[in-house]
Amino acid sequence: METVGVRELKARASEIVEAVQTEGKRYQVTKRGKPVALIIPAHADGLPDSEDIDHDERVWADIDELAKEISRRWPKGVSAVEALSADRR
């Protein structure tokens, strides 16, 4: 996936949309170096491919499960900052 900044997107919008439409390219849009959006191909009905939606839902479900597992194992009364500070020592 190619990354473009907001300013570059503004300057190349037509070219980028054409590449998405004709080549199926995907772009990650950044603002001040941080990801803020994705530009992905859509079907004729304007919706993402159902496989993409299924994949995204599975990824988020996996992330939710990981968060639950971390929560179960996280020591009571210890903040993330404290844990990182202790790990760095």
N, C-alpha and C. Protein backbone atom coordinates (compact mmCIF):
# COMPACT_ATOMS: atom_id res chain seq x y z
N MET A 1 0.86 -1.17 0.00
CA MET A 1 0.00 0.00 0.00
C MET A 1 0.90 1.23 0.00
N GLU A 2 0.60 2.12 -0.89
CA GLU A 2 1.39 3.36 -1.00
C GLU A 2 0.86 4.39 0.02
N THR A 3 1.76 5.21 0.53
CA THR A 3 1.39 6.25 1.48
C THR A 3 1.51 7.62 0.82
N VAL A 4 0.50 8.46 1.03
CA VAL A 4 0.55 9.83 0.52
C VAL A 4 0.13 10.78 1.63
N GLY A 5 0.79 11.92 1.68
CA GLY A 5 0.41 12.95 2.62
C GLY A 5 -0.79 13.72 2.09
N VAL A 6 -1.44 14.46 2.98
CA VAL A 6 -2.62 15.24 2.59
C VAL A 6 -2.29 16.21 1.47
N ARG A 7 -1.17 16.88 1.57
CA ARG A 7 -0.81 17.85 0.52
C ARG A 7 -0.58 17.17 -0.82
N GLU A 8 0.10 16.02 -0.79
CA GLU A 8 0.33 15.28 -2.03
C GLU A 8 -1.00 14.78 -2.60
N LEU A 9 -1.90 14.33 -1.72
CA LEU A 9 -3.22 13.88 -2.16
C LEU A 9 -3.95 15.01 -2.87
N LYS A 10 -3.89 16.19 -2.30
CA LYS A 10 -4.55 17.35 -2.91
C LYS A 10 -3.99 17.62 -4.31
N ALA A 11 -2.68 17.53 -4.44
CA ALA A 11 -2.03 17.82 -5.72
C ALA A 11 -2.26 16.71 -6.76
N ARG A 12 -2.40 15.46 -6.29
CA ARG A 12 -2.50 14.32 -7.21
C ARG A 12 -3.83 13.59 -7.14
N ALA A 13 -4.87 14.22 -6.63
CA ALA A 13 -6.14 13.54 -6.38
C ALA A 13 -6.67 12.79 -7.60
N SER A 14 -6.73 13.44 -8.74
CA SER A 14 -7.26 12.78 -9.95
C SER A 14 -6.43 11.56 -10.32
N GLU A 15 -5.13 11.70 -10.28
CA GLU A 15 -4.22 10.61 -10.63
C GLU A 15 -4.40 9.43 -9.65
N ILE A 16 -4.51 9.73 -8.36
CA ILE A 16 -4.66 8.69 -7.35
C ILE A 16 -5.99 7.96 -7.51
N VAL A 17 -7.06 8.71 -7.70
CA VAL A 17 -8.38 8.08 -7.88
C VAL A 17 -8.38 7.22 -9.14
N GLU A 18 -7.75 7.66 -10.18
CA GLU A 18 -7.65 6.87 -11.42
C GLU A 18 -6.91 5.56 -11.16
N ALA A 19 -5.80 5.62 -10.41
CA ALA A 19 -5.03 4.41 -10.10
C ALA A 19 -5.84 3.45 -9.24
N VAL A 20 -6.62 3.97 -8.32
CA VAL A 20 -7.48 3.13 -7.48
C VAL A 20 -8.53 2.44 -8.35
N GLN A 21 -9.13 3.21 -9.24
CA GLN A 21 -10.20 2.68 -10.08
C GLN A 21 -9.70 1.67 -11.10
N THR A 22 -8.63 1.99 -11.79
CA THR A 22 -8.19 1.15 -12.91
C THR A 22 -7.21 0.04 -12.50
N GLU A 23 -6.37 0.29 -11.50
CA GLU A 23 -5.35 -0.68 -11.10
C GLU A 23 -5.64 -1.36 -9.77
N GLY A 24 -6.68 -0.89 -9.06
CA GLY A 24 -6.99 -1.46 -7.76
C GLY A 24 -6.00 -1.08 -6.68
N LYS A 25 -5.23 -0.01 -6.91
CA LYS A 25 -4.24 0.41 -5.92
C LYS A 25 -4.92 0.90 -4.65
N ARG A 26 -4.19 0.83 -3.55
CA ARG A 26 -4.68 1.29 -2.26
C ARG A 26 -3.69 2.31 -1.71
N TYR A 27 -4.23 3.30 -1.05
CA TYR A 27 -3.39 4.36 -0.50
C TYR A 27 -3.73 4.59 0.96
N GLN A 28 -2.69 4.84 1.74
CA GLN A 28 -2.87 5.28 3.11
C GLN A 28 -2.57 6.77 3.11
N VAL A 29 -3.50 7.56 3.64
CA VAL A 29 -3.34 9.01 3.68
C VAL A 29 -2.84 9.40 5.07
N THR A 30 -1.80 10.24 5.09
CA THR A 30 -1.24 10.68 6.36
C THR A 30 -1.37 12.19 6.52
N LYS A 31 -1.43 12.61 7.76
CA LYS A 31 -1.42 14.03 8.09
C LYS A 31 -0.37 14.21 9.17
N ARG A 32 0.64 15.00 8.86
CA ARG A 32 1.77 15.17 9.77
C ARG A 32 2.42 13.84 10.13
N GLY A 33 2.46 12.96 9.13
CA GLY A 33 3.13 11.67 9.29
C GLY A 33 2.32 10.58 9.96
N LYS A 34 1.09 10.88 10.38
CA LYS A 34 0.26 9.89 11.05
C LYS A 34 -0.89 9.46 10.13
N PRO A 35 -1.15 8.16 10.03
CA PRO A 35 -2.24 7.68 9.17
C PRO A 35 -3.59 8.23 9.63
N VAL A 36 -4.38 8.71 8.67
CA VAL A 36 -5.70 9.25 8.99
C VAL A 36 -6.81 8.64 8.13
N ALA A 37 -6.47 8.04 7.00
CA ALA A 37 -7.50 7.52 6.11
C ALA A 37 -6.90 6.51 5.14
N LEU A 38 -7.79 5.71 4.56
CA LEU A 38 -7.42 4.79 3.49
C LEU A 38 -8.26 5.10 2.27
N ILE A 39 -7.65 4.99 1.12
CA ILE A 39 -8.37 5.09 -0.14
C ILE A 39 -8.26 3.71 -0.77
N ILE A 40 -9.41 3.04 -0.91
CA ILE A 40 -9.42 1.67 -1.42
C ILE A 40 -10.44 1.56 -2.54
N PRO A 41 -10.27 0.56 -3.42
CA PRO A 41 -11.24 0.37 -4.50
C PRO A 41 -12.62 0.02 -3.94
N ALA A 42 -13.65 0.41 -4.65
CA ALA A 42 -15.02 0.09 -4.28
C ALA A 42 -15.70 -0.60 -5.47
N HIS A 43 -16.72 -1.38 -5.17
CA HIS A 43 -17.52 -1.99 -6.23
C HIS A 43 -18.34 -0.91 -6.92
N ALA A 44 -19.03 -1.32 -7.95
CA ALA A 44 -19.89 -0.38 -8.67
C ALA A 44 -20.96 0.21 -7.76
N ASP A 45 -21.36 -0.55 -6.72
CA ASP A 45 -22.37 -0.04 -5.79
C ASP A 45 -21.77 0.88 -4.73
N GLY A 46 -20.45 1.08 -4.80
CA GLY A 46 -19.80 2.00 -3.87
C GLY A 46 -19.37 1.38 -2.56
N LEU A 47 -19.55 0.07 -2.42
CA LEU A 47 -19.17 -0.59 -1.19
C LEU A 47 -17.86 -1.35 -1.36
N PRO A 48 -17.08 -1.48 -0.29
CA PRO A 48 -15.87 -2.28 -0.38
C PRO A 48 -16.21 -3.74 -0.65
N ASP A 49 -15.28 -4.45 -1.18
CA ASP A 49 -15.43 -5.88 -1.44
C ASP A 49 -15.80 -6.59 -0.14
N SER A 50 -16.75 -7.53 -0.20
CA SER A 50 -17.19 -8.22 1.01
C SER A 50 -16.05 -8.98 1.67
N GLU A 51 -15.09 -9.45 0.88
CA GLU A 51 -13.92 -10.12 1.47
C GLU A 51 -13.12 -9.14 2.31
N ASP A 52 -13.00 -7.89 1.86
CA ASP A 52 -12.29 -6.87 2.62
C ASP A 52 -13.00 -6.60 3.94
N ILE A 53 -14.33 -6.51 3.88
CA ILE A 53 -15.11 -6.25 5.09
C ILE A 53 -14.95 -7.41 6.06
N ASP A 54 -15.06 -8.65 5.56
CA ASP A 54 -14.90 -9.82 6.42
C ASP A 54 -13.51 -9.84 7.05
N HIS A 55 -12.50 -9.57 6.25
CA HIS A 55 -11.13 -9.55 6.76
C HIS A 55 -10.98 -8.49 7.84
N ASP A 56 -11.47 -7.29 7.57
CA ASP A 56 -11.37 -6.20 8.56
C ASP A 56 -12.08 -6.56 9.85
N GLU A 57 -13.26 -7.16 9.74
CA GLU A 57 -14.01 -7.56 10.94
C GLU A 57 -13.24 -8.62 11.72
N ARG A 58 -12.60 -9.57 11.02
CA ARG A 58 -11.81 -10.59 11.71
C ARG A 58 -10.61 -9.96 12.42
N VAL A 59 -9.96 -9.01 11.76
CA VAL A 59 -8.81 -8.35 12.37
C VAL A 59 -9.23 -7.61 13.64
N TRP A 60 -10.33 -6.86 13.58
CA TRP A 60 -10.79 -6.14 14.76
C TRP A 60 -11.21 -7.10 15.87
N ALA A 61 -11.83 -8.21 15.51
CA ALA A 61 -12.22 -9.21 16.50
C ALA A 61 -10.97 -9.79 17.18
N ASP A 62 -9.93 -10.05 16.39
CA ASP A 62 -8.67 -10.55 16.96
C ASP A 62 -8.04 -9.52 17.91
N ILE A 63 -8.09 -8.25 17.52
CA ILE A 63 -7.55 -7.20 18.37
C ILE A 63 -8.35 -7.11 19.67
N ASP A 64 -9.66 -7.21 19.58
CA ASP A 64 -10.50 -7.19 20.79
C ASP A 64 -10.17 -8.36 21.71
N GLU A 65 -9.97 -9.55 21.13
CA GLU A 65 -9.61 -10.72 21.94
C GLU A 65 -8.26 -10.53 22.61
N LEU A 66 -7.30 -9.98 21.88
CA LEU A 66 -5.97 -9.71 22.45
C LEU A 66 -6.08 -8.72 23.60
N ALA A 67 -6.89 -7.68 23.42
CA ALA A 67 -7.08 -6.69 24.49
C ALA A 67 -7.67 -7.34 25.73
N LYS A 68 -8.63 -8.25 25.55
CA LYS A 68 -9.23 -8.96 26.69
C LYS A 68 -8.20 -9.83 27.40
N GLU A 69 -7.37 -10.51 26.61
CA GLU A 69 -6.34 -11.37 27.21
C GLU A 69 -5.32 -10.53 27.99
N ILE A 70 -4.91 -9.42 27.42
CA ILE A 70 -3.98 -8.53 28.13
C ILE A 70 -4.62 -8.03 29.41
N SER A 71 -5.89 -7.65 29.34
CA SER A 71 -6.60 -7.16 30.54
C SER A 71 -6.65 -8.23 31.63
N ARG A 72 -6.90 -9.47 31.25
CA ARG A 72 -6.97 -10.56 32.24
C ARG A 72 -5.64 -10.77 32.94
N ARG A 73 -4.55 -10.58 32.21
CA ARG A 73 -3.23 -10.87 32.77
C ARG A 73 -2.53 -9.63 33.36
N TRP A 74 -3.11 -8.46 33.15
CA TRP A 74 -2.47 -7.21 33.58
C TRP A 74 -2.49 -7.12 35.11
N PRO A 75 -1.35 -6.80 35.73
CA PRO A 75 -1.31 -6.69 37.20
C PRO A 75 -2.19 -5.54 37.69
N LYS A 76 -2.93 -5.79 38.75
CA LYS A 76 -3.81 -4.76 39.33
C LYS A 76 -2.97 -3.60 39.85
N GLY A 77 -3.45 -2.39 39.61
CA GLY A 77 -2.80 -1.21 40.15
C GLY A 77 -1.55 -0.75 39.41
N VAL A 78 -1.24 -1.35 38.26
CA VAL A 78 -0.05 -0.97 37.49
C VAL A 78 -0.51 -0.30 36.20
N SER A 79 -0.06 0.95 35.99
CA SER A 79 -0.43 1.64 34.76
C SER A 79 0.50 1.22 33.63
N ALA A 80 0.10 1.50 32.42
CA ALA A 80 0.94 1.19 31.26
C ALA A 80 2.25 1.96 31.33
N VAL A 81 2.20 3.19 31.81
CA VAL A 81 3.41 4.01 31.94
C VAL A 81 4.37 3.35 32.92
N GLU A 82 3.85 2.89 34.04
CA GLU A 82 4.69 2.23 35.04
C GLU A 82 5.30 0.95 34.49
N ALA A 83 4.50 0.19 33.75
CA ALA A 83 5.00 -1.06 33.18
C ALA A 83 6.11 -0.80 32.17
N LEU A 84 5.95 0.21 31.33
CA LEU A 84 6.99 0.54 30.36
C LEU A 84 8.25 1.06 31.05
N SER A 85 8.06 1.89 32.07
CA SER A 85 9.22 2.41 32.80
C SER A 85 10.00 1.29 33.45
N ALA A 86 9.30 0.34 34.06
CA ALA A 86 9.97 -0.80 34.69
C ALA A 86 10.68 -1.66 33.65
N ASP A 87 10.07 -1.83 32.49
CA ASP A 87 10.66 -2.63 31.43
C ASP A 87 11.93 -2.00 30.88
N ARG A 88 11.99 -0.69 30.87
CA ARG A 88 13.15 0.03 30.33
C ARG A 88 14.36 -0.03 31.27
N ARG A 89 14.11 -0.30 32.54
CA ARG A 89 15.21 -0.33 33.51
C ARG A 89 16.06 -1.53 33.36
